[in-house]
Amino acid sequence: MAIKCLDTQIRRNLRTFPENLMLQVTAAEIAEVAAKSNLLQASKCSPAFAEHGAVQAANILNSDDAMEMNVHIVRALIYLRQPMTSHKALASKLAGLDAGLANTTST
């Protein structure tokens, strides 16, 4: 799927992406990452997504690839959260952050 298609869908569904789910990557940030790896080209400033924003992005794209990517995102998030939830202090902080996020999205 082309970045152009994703950008178009994001513009059409902006209320799906509040500030805490999506941010704009600057040219300087892309250049910094591109200098350290082959993953990005320094030519385009694309949106970046927090974990739940990535799921939202996959949800607005109506394709089999997007649905499959949504499943991969959820599996990756589950995998990444497993070590954190095994540590009680981190689990408590995570619960507090989730509660704070729930309060900001419900208003």
Protein backbone atom coordinates (compact mmCIF):
# COMPACT_ATOMS: atom_id res chain seq x y z
CA MET A 1 0.00 0.00 0.00
CA ALA A 2 1.37 3.37 -0.97
CA ILE A 3 2.06 6.02 1.66
CA LYS A 4 -0.05 8.36 -0.48
CA CYS A 5 -3.12 6.16 0.12
CA LEU A 6 -2.46 6.13 3.86
CA ASP A 7 -2.00 9.91 3.93
CA THR A 8 -5.28 10.37 2.02
CA GLN A 9 -7.21 8.15 4.42
CA ILE A 10 -5.71 9.90 7.43
CA ARG A 11 -6.78 13.30 6.09
CA ARG A 12 -10.31 11.95 5.52
CA ASN A 13 -10.46 10.50 9.06
CA LEU A 14 -8.60 13.06 11.16
CA ARG A 15 -10.91 12.74 14.17
CA THR A 16 -9.81 9.11 14.41
CA PHE A 17 -6.32 10.32 15.31
CA PRO A 18 -6.18 12.62 18.35
CA GLU A 19 -2.79 14.10 19.25
CA ASN A 20 -1.91 11.26 21.62
CA LEU A 21 -2.29 8.65 18.84
CA MET A 22 -0.49 10.33 15.94
CA LEU A 23 2.34 12.81 15.58
CA GLN A 24 4.10 14.33 12.61
CA VAL A 25 7.70 13.27 12.11
CA THR A 26 9.93 16.19 11.15
CA ALA A 27 12.44 16.18 8.30
CA ALA A 28 15.26 16.45 10.86
CA GLU A 29 14.02 13.36 12.73
CA ILE A 30 13.75 11.36 9.50
CA ALA A 31 17.24 12.48 8.45
CA GLU A 32 18.63 11.41 11.83
CA VAL A 33 17.10 7.93 11.58
CA ALA A 34 18.06 7.61 7.90
CA ALA A 35 21.68 8.43 8.78
CA LYS A 36 21.72 5.55 11.25
CA SER A 37 19.90 2.92 9.16
CA ASN A 38 18.54 2.07 5.72
CA LEU A 39 14.93 2.06 6.93
CA LEU A 40 13.86 5.57 5.99
CA GLN A 41 14.53 8.00 3.22
CA ALA A 42 14.98 11.60 4.29
CA SER A 43 12.60 12.92 1.63
CA LYS A 44 9.09 12.74 3.14
CA CYS A 45 7.66 13.76 6.51
CA SER A 46 5.14 11.06 7.31
CA PRO A 47 2.94 10.62 10.34
CA ALA A 48 4.09 8.36 13.14
CA PHE A 49 1.69 6.45 15.34
CA ALA A 50 1.54 5.50 18.98
CA GLU A 51 0.58 1.86 19.54
CA HIS A 52 -3.17 2.46 19.47
CA GLY A 53 -2.79 4.89 16.58
CA ALA A 54 -1.19 2.13 14.50
CA VAL A 55 -4.26 -0.01 15.08
CA GLN A 56 -6.48 2.94 14.12
CA ALA A 57 -4.47 3.43 10.91
CA ALA A 58 -4.94 -0.21 9.97
CA ASN A 59 -8.66 0.10 10.69
CA ILE A 60 -9.22 3.01 8.28
CA LEU A 61 -7.60 1.17 5.39
CA ASN A 62 -10.05 -1.17 3.72
CA SER A 63 -7.83 -3.91 2.38
CA ASP A 64 -6.79 -7.45 3.21
CA ASP A 65 -3.21 -6.27 3.77
CA ALA A 66 -4.38 -3.67 6.30
CA MET A 67 -6.46 -6.23 8.19
CA GLU A 68 -3.50 -8.62 8.29
CA MET A 69 -1.24 -5.80 9.48
CA ASN A 70 -3.74 -4.99 12.23
CA VAL A 71 -3.40 -8.55 13.54
CA HIS A 72 0.41 -8.28 13.44
CA ILE A 73 0.30 -4.97 15.33
CA VAL A 74 -1.91 -6.39 18.07
CA ARG A 75 0.33 -9.47 18.40
CA ALA A 76 3.44 -7.28 18.60
CA LEU A 77 1.85 -5.10 21.28
CA ILE A 78 0.88 -8.14 23.32
CA TYR A 79 4.42 -9.49 22.99
CA LEU A 80 5.93 -6.17 24.05
CA ARG A 81 3.64 -5.81 27.05
CA GLN A 82 4.33 -9.27 28.51
CA PRO A 83 7.64 -8.37 30.23
CA MET A 84 6.19 -5.12 31.58
CA THR A 85 3.17 -6.73 33.17
CA SER A 86 5.37 -9.25 34.98
CA HIS A 87 6.93 -6.43 36.96
CA LYS A 88 4.45 -5.10 39.54
CA ALA A 89 5.69 -1.52 39.65
CA LEU A 90 5.61 -1.18 35.89
CA ALA A 91 2.20 -2.83 35.74
CA SER A 92 0.88 -0.32 38.27
CA LYS A 93 2.28 2.61 36.28
CA LEU A 94 0.87 1.15 33.06
CA ALA A 95 -2.56 0.87 34.66
CA GLY A 96 -2.33 4.52 35.73
CA LEU A 97 -1.36 5.59 32.21
CA ASP A 98 -4.21 3.57 30.72
CA ALA A 99 -6.64 5.20 33.15
CA GLY A 100 -5.30 8.64 32.24
CA LEU A 101 -5.63 7.85 28.52
CA ALA A 102 -9.19 6.65 29.07
CA ASN A 103 -10.02 9.93 30.82
CA THR A 104 -8.60 12.06 28.00
CA THR A 105 -10.36 10.13 25.24
CA SER A 106 -13.75 10.04 26.97
CA THR A 107 -14.07 13.82 27.16
